[in-house]
All heavy atoms as atom14 arrays in JSON, in Angstrom:
{
  "sequence": "TISGHKIHAPKGIGALYIRSGLKLPPYILGGGQERGMR",
  "atom14_mask": [
    [1, 1, 1, 1, 1, 1, 1, 0, 0, 0, 0, 0, 0, 0],
    [1, 1, 1, 1, 1, 1, 1, 1, 0, 0, 0, 0, 0, 0],
    [1, 1, 1, 1, 1, 1, 0, 0, 0, 0, 0, 0, 0, 0],
    [1, 1, 1, 1, 0, 0, 0, 0, 0, 0, 0, 0, 0, 0],
    [1, 1, 1, 1, 1, 1, 1, 1, 1, 1, 0, 0, 0, 0],
    [1, 1, 1, 1, 1, 1, 1, 1, 1, 0, 0, 0, 0, 0],
    [1, 1, 1, 1, 1, 1, 1, 1, 0, 0, 0, 0, 0, 0],
    [1, 1, 1, 1, 1, 1, 1, 1, 1, 1, 0, 0, 0, 0],
    [1, 1, 1, 1, 1, 0, 0, 0, 0, 0, 0, 0, 0, 0],
    [1, 1, 1, 1, 1, 1, 1, 0, 0, 0, 0, 0, 0, 0],
    [1, 1, 1, 1, 1, 1, 1, 1, 1, 0, 0, 0, 0, 0],
    [1, 1, 1, 1, 0, 0, 0, 0, 0, 0, 0, 0, 0, 0],
    [1, 1, 1, 1, 1, 1, 1, 1, 0, 0, 0, 0, 0, 0],
    [1, 1, 1, 1, 0, 0, 0, 0, 0, 0, 0, 0, 0, 0],
    [1, 1, 1, 1, 1, 0, 0, 0, 0, 0, 0, 0, 0, 0],
    [1, 1, 1, 1, 1, 1, 1, 1, 0, 0, 0, 0, 0, 0],
    [1, 1, 1, 1, 1, 1, 1, 1, 1, 1, 1, 1, 0, 0],
    [1, 1, 1, 1, 1, 1, 1, 1, 0, 0, 0, 0, 0, 0],
    [1, 1, 1, 1, 1, 1, 1, 1, 1, 1, 1, 0, 0, 0],
    [1, 1, 1, 1, 1, 1, 0, 0, 0, 0, 0, 0, 0, 0],
    [1, 1, 1, 1, 0, 0, 0, 0, 0, 0, 0, 0, 0, 0],
    [1, 1, 1, 1, 1, 1, 1, 1, 0, 0, 0, 0, 0, 0],
    [1, 1, 1, 1, 1, 1, 1, 1, 1, 0, 0, 0, 0, 0],
    [1, 1, 1, 1, 1, 1, 1, 1, 0, 0, 0, 0, 0, 0],
    [1, 1, 1, 1, 1, 1, 1, 0, 0, 0, 0, 0, 0, 0],
    [1, 1, 1, 1, 1, 1, 1, 0, 0, 0, 0, 0, 0, 0],
    [1, 1, 1, 1, 1, 1, 1, 1, 1, 1, 1, 1, 0, 0],
    [1, 1, 1, 1, 1, 1, 1, 1, 0, 0, 0, 0, 0, 0],
    [1, 1, 1, 1, 1, 1, 1, 1, 0, 0, 0, 0, 0, 0],
    [1, 1, 1, 1, 0, 0, 0, 0, 0, 0, 0, 0, 0, 0],
    [1, 1, 1, 1, 0, 0, 0, 0, 0, 0, 0, 0, 0, 0],
    [1, 1, 1, 1, 0, 0, 0, 0, 0, 0, 0, 0, 0, 0],
    [1, 1, 1, 1, 1, 1, 1, 1, 1, 0, 0, 0, 0, 0],
    [1, 1, 1, 1, 1, 1, 1, 1, 1, 0, 0, 0, 0, 0],
    [1, 1, 1, 1, 1, 1, 1, 1, 1, 1, 1, 0, 0, 0],
    [1, 1, 1, 1, 0, 0, 0, 0, 0, 0, 0, 0, 0, 0],
    [1, 1, 1, 1, 1, 1, 1, 1, 0, 0, 0, 0, 0, 0],
    [1, 1, 1, 1, 1, 1, 1, 1, 1, 1, 1, 0, 0, 0]
  ],
  "atom14_positions": [
    [[11.59, -3.38, 18.98], [12.87, -2.7, 18.8], [13.44, -3.02, 17.42], [13.47, -4.18, 17.0], [13.88, -3.19, 19.85], [13.35, -2.96, 21.15], [15.21, -2.46, 19.71], [0.0, 0.0, 0.0], [0.0, 0.0, 0.0], [0.0, 0.0, 0.0], [0.0, 0.0, 0.0], [0.0, 0.0, 0.0], [0.0, 0.0, 0.0], [0.0, 0.0, 0.0]],
    [[13.92, -1.98, 16.7], [14.61, -2.18, 15.43], [15.85, -1.31, 15.39], [16.01, -0.39, 16.2], [13.71, -1.88, 14.21], [13.21, -0.43, 14.24], [12.54, -2.85, 14.16], [12.43, -0.03, 13.01], [0.0, 0.0, 0.0], [0.0, 0.0, 0.0], [0.0, 0.0, 0.0], [0.0, 0.0, 0.0], [0.0, 0.0, 0.0], [0.0, 0.0, 0.0]],
    [[16.75, -1.6, 14.46], [18.02, -0.88, 14.36], [18.37, -0.62, 12.9], [18.09, -1.46, 12.03], [19.13, -1.7, 15.03], [20.37, -1.05, 14.93], [0.0, 0.0, 0.0], [0.0, 0.0, 0.0], [0.0, 0.0, 0.0], [0.0, 0.0, 0.0], [0.0, 0.0, 0.0], [0.0, 0.0, 0.0], [0.0, 0.0, 0.0], [0.0, 0.0, 0.0]],
    [[19.0, 0.51, 12.64], [19.32, 0.91, 11.28], [20.49, 0.18, 10.66], [20.47, -0.16, 9.48], [0.0, 0.0, 0.0], [0.0, 0.0, 0.0], [0.0, 0.0, 0.0], [0.0, 0.0, 0.0], [0.0, 0.0, 0.0], [0.0, 0.0, 0.0], [0.0, 0.0, 0.0], [0.0, 0.0, 0.0], [0.0, 0.0, 0.0], [0.0, 0.0, 0.0]],
    [[21.55, -0.08, 11.44], [22.77, -0.58, 10.81], [22.69, -2.06, 10.43], [23.61, -2.58, 9.83], [23.99, -0.31, 11.69], [24.15, -1.19, 12.88], [25.11, -2.18, 12.95], [23.48, -1.22, 14.05], [25.02, -2.78, 14.13], [24.05, -2.21, 14.81], [0.0, 0.0, 0.0], [0.0, 0.0, 0.0], [0.0, 0.0, 0.0], [0.0, 0.0, 0.0]],
    [[21.56, -2.71, 10.72], [21.34, -4.07, 10.24], [20.66, -4.09, 8.88], [20.54, -5.14, 8.25], [20.48, -4.87, 11.23], [20.93, -4.8, 12.68], [22.28, -5.44, 12.92], [22.57, -5.49, 14.42], [23.88, -6.09, 14.74], [0.0, 0.0, 0.0], [0.0, 0.0, 0.0], [0.0, 0.0, 0.0], [0.0, 0.0, 0.0], [0.0, 0.0, 0.0]],
    [[20.19, -2.92, 8.4], [19.46, -2.87, 7.12], [20.11, -1.89, 6.14], [19.44, -1.3, 5.31], [17.99, -2.51, 7.35], [17.84, -1.09, 7.91], [17.29, -3.53, 8.26], [16.46, -0.49, 7.71], [0.0, 0.0, 0.0], [0.0, 0.0, 0.0], [0.0, 0.0, 0.0], [0.0, 0.0, 0.0], [0.0, 0.0, 0.0], [0.0, 0.0, 0.0]],
    [[21.42, -1.68, 6.28], [22.2, -0.85, 5.36], [22.03, 0.65, 5.59], [22.25, 1.47, 4.69], [21.88, -1.21, 3.9], [22.1, -2.65, 3.59], [23.37, -3.21, 3.48], [21.22, -3.68, 3.4], [23.25, -4.5, 3.22], [21.97, -4.82, 3.19], [0.0, 0.0, 0.0], [0.0, 0.0, 0.0], [0.0, 0.0, 0.0], [0.0, 0.0, 0.0]],
    [[21.67, 1.02, 6.82], [21.75, 2.4, 7.27], [22.99, 2.53, 8.15], [23.61, 1.53, 8.51], [20.49, 2.79, 8.05], [0.0, 0.0, 0.0], [0.0, 0.0, 0.0], [0.0, 0.0, 0.0], [0.0, 0.0, 0.0], [0.0, 0.0, 0.0], [0.0, 0.0, 0.0], [0.0, 0.0, 0.0], [0.0, 0.0, 0.0], [0.0, 0.0, 0.0]],
    [[23.39, 3.74, 8.54], [24.58, 3.89, 9.39], [24.33, 3.39, 10.81], [23.18, 3.2, 11.24], [24.84, 5.4, 9.38], [23.98, 5.96, 8.32], [22.83, 5.04, 8.15], [0.0, 0.0, 0.0], [0.0, 0.0, 0.0], [0.0, 0.0, 0.0], [0.0, 0.0, 0.0], [0.0, 0.0, 0.0], [0.0, 0.0, 0.0], [0.0, 0.0, 0.0]],
    [[25.4, 3.22, 11.54], [25.3, 2.95, 12.98], [24.84, 4.22, 13.69], [25.05, 5.32, 13.21], [26.66, 2.49, 13.51], [27.19, 1.24, 12.82], [28.65, 1.01, 13.14], [29.21, -0.14, 12.32], [29.25, 0.16, 10.85], [0.0, 0.0, 0.0], [0.0, 0.0, 0.0], [0.0, 0.0, 0.0], [0.0, 0.0, 0.0], [0.0, 0.0, 0.0]],
    [[24.24, 4.04, 14.85], [23.84, 5.19, 15.64], [22.39, 5.59, 15.49], [22.0, 6.67, 15.95], [0.0, 0.0, 0.0], [0.0, 0.0, 0.0], [0.0, 0.0, 0.0], [0.0, 0.0, 0.0], [0.0, 0.0, 0.0], [0.0, 0.0, 0.0], [0.0, 0.0, 0.0], [0.0, 0.0, 0.0], [0.0, 0.0, 0.0], [0.0, 0.0, 0.0]],
    [[21.57, 4.74, 14.88], [20.15, 5.07, 14.73], [19.32, 3.79, 14.83], [19.7, 2.74, 14.33], [19.87, 5.81, 13.4], [18.4, 6.25, 13.33], [20.23, 4.93, 12.21], [18.02, 7.27, 14.37], [0.0, 0.0, 0.0], [0.0, 0.0, 0.0], [0.0, 0.0, 0.0], [0.0, 0.0, 0.0], [0.0, 0.0, 0.0], [0.0, 0.0, 0.0]],
    [[18.21, 3.9, 15.54], [17.26, 2.79, 15.66], [15.9, 3.38, 15.95], [15.68, 4.6, 15.85], [0.0, 0.0, 0.0], [0.0, 0.0, 0.0], [0.0, 0.0, 0.0], [0.0, 0.0, 0.0], [0.0, 0.0, 0.0], [0.0, 0.0, 0.0], [0.0, 0.0, 0.0], [0.0, 0.0, 0.0], [0.0, 0.0, 0.0], [0.0, 0.0, 0.0]],
    [[14.96, 2.53, 16.31], [13.62, 3.02, 16.63], [12.93, 2.03, 17.55], [13.24, 0.83, 17.56], [12.8, 3.24, 15.37], [0.0, 0.0, 0.0], [0.0, 0.0, 0.0], [0.0, 0.0, 0.0], [0.0, 0.0, 0.0], [0.0, 0.0, 0.0], [0.0, 0.0, 0.0], [0.0, 0.0, 0.0], [0.0, 0.0, 0.0], [0.0, 0.0, 0.0]],
    [[11.99, 2.55, 18.33], [11.13, 1.72, 19.17], [9.69, 1.97, 18.75], [9.22, 3.11, 18.75], [11.31, 2.07, 20.65], [10.45, 1.25, 21.63], [10.86, -0.22, 21.61], [10.56, 1.82, 23.05], [0.0, 0.0, 0.0], [0.0, 0.0, 0.0], [0.0, 0.0, 0.0], [0.0, 0.0, 0.0], [0.0, 0.0, 0.0], [0.0, 0.0, 0.0]],
    [[9.01, 0.9, 18.4], [7.58, 0.95, 18.13], [6.85, 0.83, 19.47], [7.13, -0.06, 20.27], [7.17, -0.2, 17.21], [5.68, -0.51, 17.21], [4.82, 0.15, 16.33], [5.15, -1.47, 18.07], [3.45, -0.14, 16.32], [3.78, -1.75, 18.07], [2.95, -1.09, 17.2], [1.59, -1.38, 17.19], [0.0, 0.0, 0.0], [0.0, 0.0, 0.0]],
    [[5.93, 1.75, 19.72], [5.08, 1.73, 20.91], [3.63, 1.74, 20.44], [3.22, 2.68, 19.74], [5.36, 2.94, 21.83], [6.84, 3.0, 22.2], [4.48, 2.87, 23.07], [7.21, 4.24, 23.01], [0.0, 0.0, 0.0], [0.0, 0.0, 0.0], [0.0, 0.0, 0.0], [0.0, 0.0, 0.0], [0.0, 0.0, 0.0], [0.0, 0.0, 0.0]],
    [[2.89, 0.72, 20.78], [1.52, 0.62, 20.28], [0.68, 1.8, 20.76], [0.92, 2.41, 21.82], [0.87, -0.7, 20.68], [0.53, -0.83, 22.13], [-0.56, -1.86, 22.37], [-0.69, -2.17, 23.78], [-1.38, -1.44, 24.65], [-1.96, -0.33, 24.25], [-1.45, -1.82, 25.92], [0.0, 0.0, 0.0], [0.0, 0.0, 0.0], [0.0, 0.0, 0.0]],
    [[-0.32, 2.11, 19.99], [-1.21, 3.21, 20.32], [-1.88, 2.97, 21.67], [-2.32, 1.85, 21.97], [-2.29, 3.36, 19.24], [-1.72, 3.66, 17.99], [0.0, 0.0, 0.0], [0.0, 0.0, 0.0], [0.0, 0.0, 0.0], [0.0, 0.0, 0.0], [0.0, 0.0, 0.0], [0.0, 0.0, 0.0], [0.0, 0.0, 0.0], [0.0, 0.0, 0.0]],
    [[-1.93, 4.01, 22.48], [-2.59, 3.93, 23.77], [-1.69, 3.52, 24.91], [-2.09, 3.64, 26.08], [0.0, 0.0, 0.0], [0.0, 0.0, 0.0], [0.0, 0.0, 0.0], [0.0, 0.0, 0.0], [0.0, 0.0, 0.0], [0.0, 0.0, 0.0], [0.0, 0.0, 0.0], [0.0, 0.0, 0.0], [0.0, 0.0, 0.0], [0.0, 0.0, 0.0]],
    [[-0.49, 3.04, 24.61], [0.44, 2.63, 25.66], [1.25, 3.84, 26.11], [2.02, 4.4, 25.32], [1.36, 1.53, 25.16], [2.39, 0.98, 26.16], [1.69, 0.39, 27.38], [3.29, -0.05, 25.5], [0.0, 0.0, 0.0], [0.0, 0.0, 0.0], [0.0, 0.0, 0.0], [0.0, 0.0, 0.0], [0.0, 0.0, 0.0], [0.0, 0.0, 0.0]],
    [[1.12, 4.23, 27.35], [1.79, 5.42, 27.88], [3.14, 5.03, 28.49], [3.36, 5.12, 29.7], [0.91, 6.1, 28.92], [-0.48, 6.46, 28.42], [-0.43, 7.44, 27.26], [-1.84, 7.85, 26.84], [-1.83, 8.77, 25.66], [0.0, 0.0, 0.0], [0.0, 0.0, 0.0], [0.0, 0.0, 0.0], [0.0, 0.0, 0.0], [0.0, 0.0, 0.0]],
    [[4.06, 4.59, 27.65], [5.38, 4.18, 28.13], [6.15, 5.4, 28.62], [6.26, 6.4, 27.91], [6.15, 3.5, 27.01], [7.47, 2.84, 27.41], [7.2, 1.56, 28.21], [8.32, 2.52, 26.18], [0.0, 0.0, 0.0], [0.0, 0.0, 0.0], [0.0, 0.0, 0.0], [0.0, 0.0, 0.0], [0.0, 0.0, 0.0], [0.0, 0.0, 0.0]],
    [[6.72, 5.35, 29.83], [7.5, 6.49, 30.32], [8.75, 6.72, 29.48], [9.34, 5.76, 28.96], [7.87, 6.08, 31.75], [6.9, 5.02, 32.12], [6.59, 4.29, 30.84], [0.0, 0.0, 0.0], [0.0, 0.0, 0.0], [0.0, 0.0, 0.0], [0.0, 0.0, 0.0], [0.0, 0.0, 0.0], [0.0, 0.0, 0.0], [0.0, 0.0, 0.0]],
    [[9.19, 7.96, 29.34], [10.44, 8.25, 28.62], [11.62, 7.59, 29.31], [11.58, 7.33, 30.52], [10.55, 9.77, 28.67], [9.16, 10.24, 28.93], [8.51, 9.19, 29.77], [0.0, 0.0, 0.0], [0.0, 0.0, 0.0], [0.0, 0.0, 0.0], [0.0, 0.0, 0.0], [0.0, 0.0, 0.0], [0.0, 0.0, 0.0], [0.0, 0.0, 0.0]],
    [[12.66, 7.34, 28.54], [13.87, 6.72, 29.08], [15.0, 7.73, 29.2], [15.81, 7.68, 30.1], [14.28, 5.56, 28.17], [15.47, 4.76, 28.65], [15.42, 4.07, 29.86], [16.63, 4.67, 27.89], [16.5, 3.32, 30.3], [17.71, 3.93, 28.32], [17.64, 3.25, 29.53], [18.71, 2.52, 29.97], [0.0, 0.0, 0.0], [0.0, 0.0, 0.0]],
    [[15.07, 8.68, 28.26], [16.06, 9.76, 28.3], [15.31, 11.07, 28.49], [14.42, 11.41, 27.7], [16.89, 9.8, 27.0], [17.69, 8.5, 26.85], [17.82, 11.01, 26.99], [18.51, 8.44, 25.57], [0.0, 0.0, 0.0], [0.0, 0.0, 0.0], [0.0, 0.0, 0.0], [0.0, 0.0, 0.0], [0.0, 0.0, 0.0], [0.0, 0.0, 0.0]],
    [[15.66, 11.79, 29.53], [14.95, 13.02, 29.89], [15.73, 14.25, 29.46], [16.96, 14.23, 29.39], [14.72, 13.05, 31.4], [13.98, 11.84, 31.99], [13.9, 11.95, 33.5], [12.59, 11.72, 31.39], [0.0, 0.0, 0.0], [0.0, 0.0, 0.0], [0.0, 0.0, 0.0], [0.0, 0.0, 0.0], [0.0, 0.0, 0.0], [0.0, 0.0, 0.0]],
    [[15.02, 15.3, 29.16], [15.67, 16.54, 28.74], [14.68, 17.43, 28.01], [13.64, 17.8, 28.56], [0.0, 0.0, 0.0], [0.0, 0.0, 0.0], [0.0, 0.0, 0.0], [0.0, 0.0, 0.0], [0.0, 0.0, 0.0], [0.0, 0.0, 0.0], [0.0, 0.0, 0.0], [0.0, 0.0, 0.0], [0.0, 0.0, 0.0], [0.0, 0.0, 0.0]],
    [[14.98, 17.72, 26.76], [14.1, 18.56, 25.95], [12.86, 17.81, 25.49], [12.62, 16.67, 25.87], [0.0, 0.0, 0.0], [0.0, 0.0, 0.0], [0.0, 0.0, 0.0], [0.0, 0.0, 0.0], [0.0, 0.0, 0.0], [0.0, 0.0, 0.0], [0.0, 0.0, 0.0], [0.0, 0.0, 0.0], [0.0, 0.0, 0.0], [0.0, 0.0, 0.0]],
    [[12.11, 18.45, 24.63], [10.83, 17.88, 24.21], [10.87, 17.15, 22.89], [9.82, 16.96, 22.25], [0.0, 0.0, 0.0], [0.0, 0.0, 0.0], [0.0, 0.0, 0.0], [0.0, 0.0, 0.0], [0.0, 0.0, 0.0], [0.0, 0.0, 0.0], [0.0, 0.0, 0.0], [0.0, 0.0, 0.0], [0.0, 0.0, 0.0], [0.0, 0.0, 0.0]],
    [[12.05, 16.71, 22.47], [12.15, 16.01, 21.19], [11.35, 14.7, 21.21], [11.06, 14.15, 22.27], [13.61, 15.7, 20.84], [14.47, 16.93, 20.57], [15.1, 17.5, 21.82], [14.8, 17.08, 22.93], [15.98, 18.48, 21.65], [0.0, 0.0, 0.0], [0.0, 0.0, 0.0], [0.0, 0.0, 0.0], [0.0, 0.0, 0.0], [0.0, 0.0, 0.0]],
    [[11.05, 14.21, 20.02], [10.27, 12.97, 19.87], [8.96, 13.04, 20.67], [8.61, 12.11, 21.4], [11.09, 11.74, 20.27], [12.21, 11.41, 19.31], [11.71, 11.11, 17.91], [11.17, 10.01, 17.69], [11.85, 11.98, 17.03], [0.0, 0.0, 0.0], [0.0, 0.0, 0.0], [0.0, 0.0, 0.0], [0.0, 0.0, 0.0], [0.0, 0.0, 0.0]],
    [[8.29, 14.18, 20.51], [7.0, 14.39, 21.18], [7.1, 14.19, 22.69], [6.19, 13.66, 23.34], [5.93, 13.46, 20.59], [5.56, 13.82, 19.13], [5.05, 12.62, 18.38], [6.14, 11.74, 17.98], [5.98, 10.47, 17.6], [4.78, 9.94, 17.61], [7.02, 9.74, 17.23], [0.0, 0.0, 0.0], [0.0, 0.0, 0.0], [0.0, 0.0, 0.0]],
    [[8.25, 14.6, 23.25], [8.48, 14.52, 24.68], [8.85, 13.14, 25.18], [8.99, 12.93, 26.39], [0.0, 0.0, 0.0], [0.0, 0.0, 0.0], [0.0, 0.0, 0.0], [0.0, 0.0, 0.0], [0.0, 0.0, 0.0], [0.0, 0.0, 0.0], [0.0, 0.0, 0.0], [0.0, 0.0, 0.0], [0.0, 0.0, 0.0], [0.0, 0.0, 0.0]],
    [[9.08, 12.2, 24.27], [9.33, 10.81, 24.66], [10.8, 10.43, 24.68], [11.18, 9.45, 25.32], [8.59, 9.87, 23.7], [7.09, 9.87, 23.89], [6.61, 9.1, 25.44], [6.87, 7.38, 25.03], [0.0, 0.0, 0.0], [0.0, 0.0, 0.0], [0.0, 0.0, 0.0], [0.0, 0.0, 0.0], [0.0, 0.0, 0.0], [0.0, 0.0, 0.0]],
    [[11.65, 11.21, 23.98], [13.07, 10.83, 23.94], [13.88, 12.1, 23.71], [13.98, 12.6, 22.59], [13.29, 9.81, 22.83], [14.58, 8.99, 22.95], [15.69, 9.62, 22.17], [16.88, 8.78, 22.15], [18.02, 9.12, 21.54], [18.12, 10.28, 20.92], [19.05, 8.31, 21.58], [0.0, 0.0, 0.0], [0.0, 0.0, 0.0], [0.0, 0.0, 0.0]]
  ]
}
């Protein structure tokens, strides 16, 4: 887990690294953004 506002980016943005091959289920459901993952 990383976050933008700790490195001089605005609040409201971060990212999750998921290693290759790991089929982590989505956490927020809806449209197909983020390759269907978020």
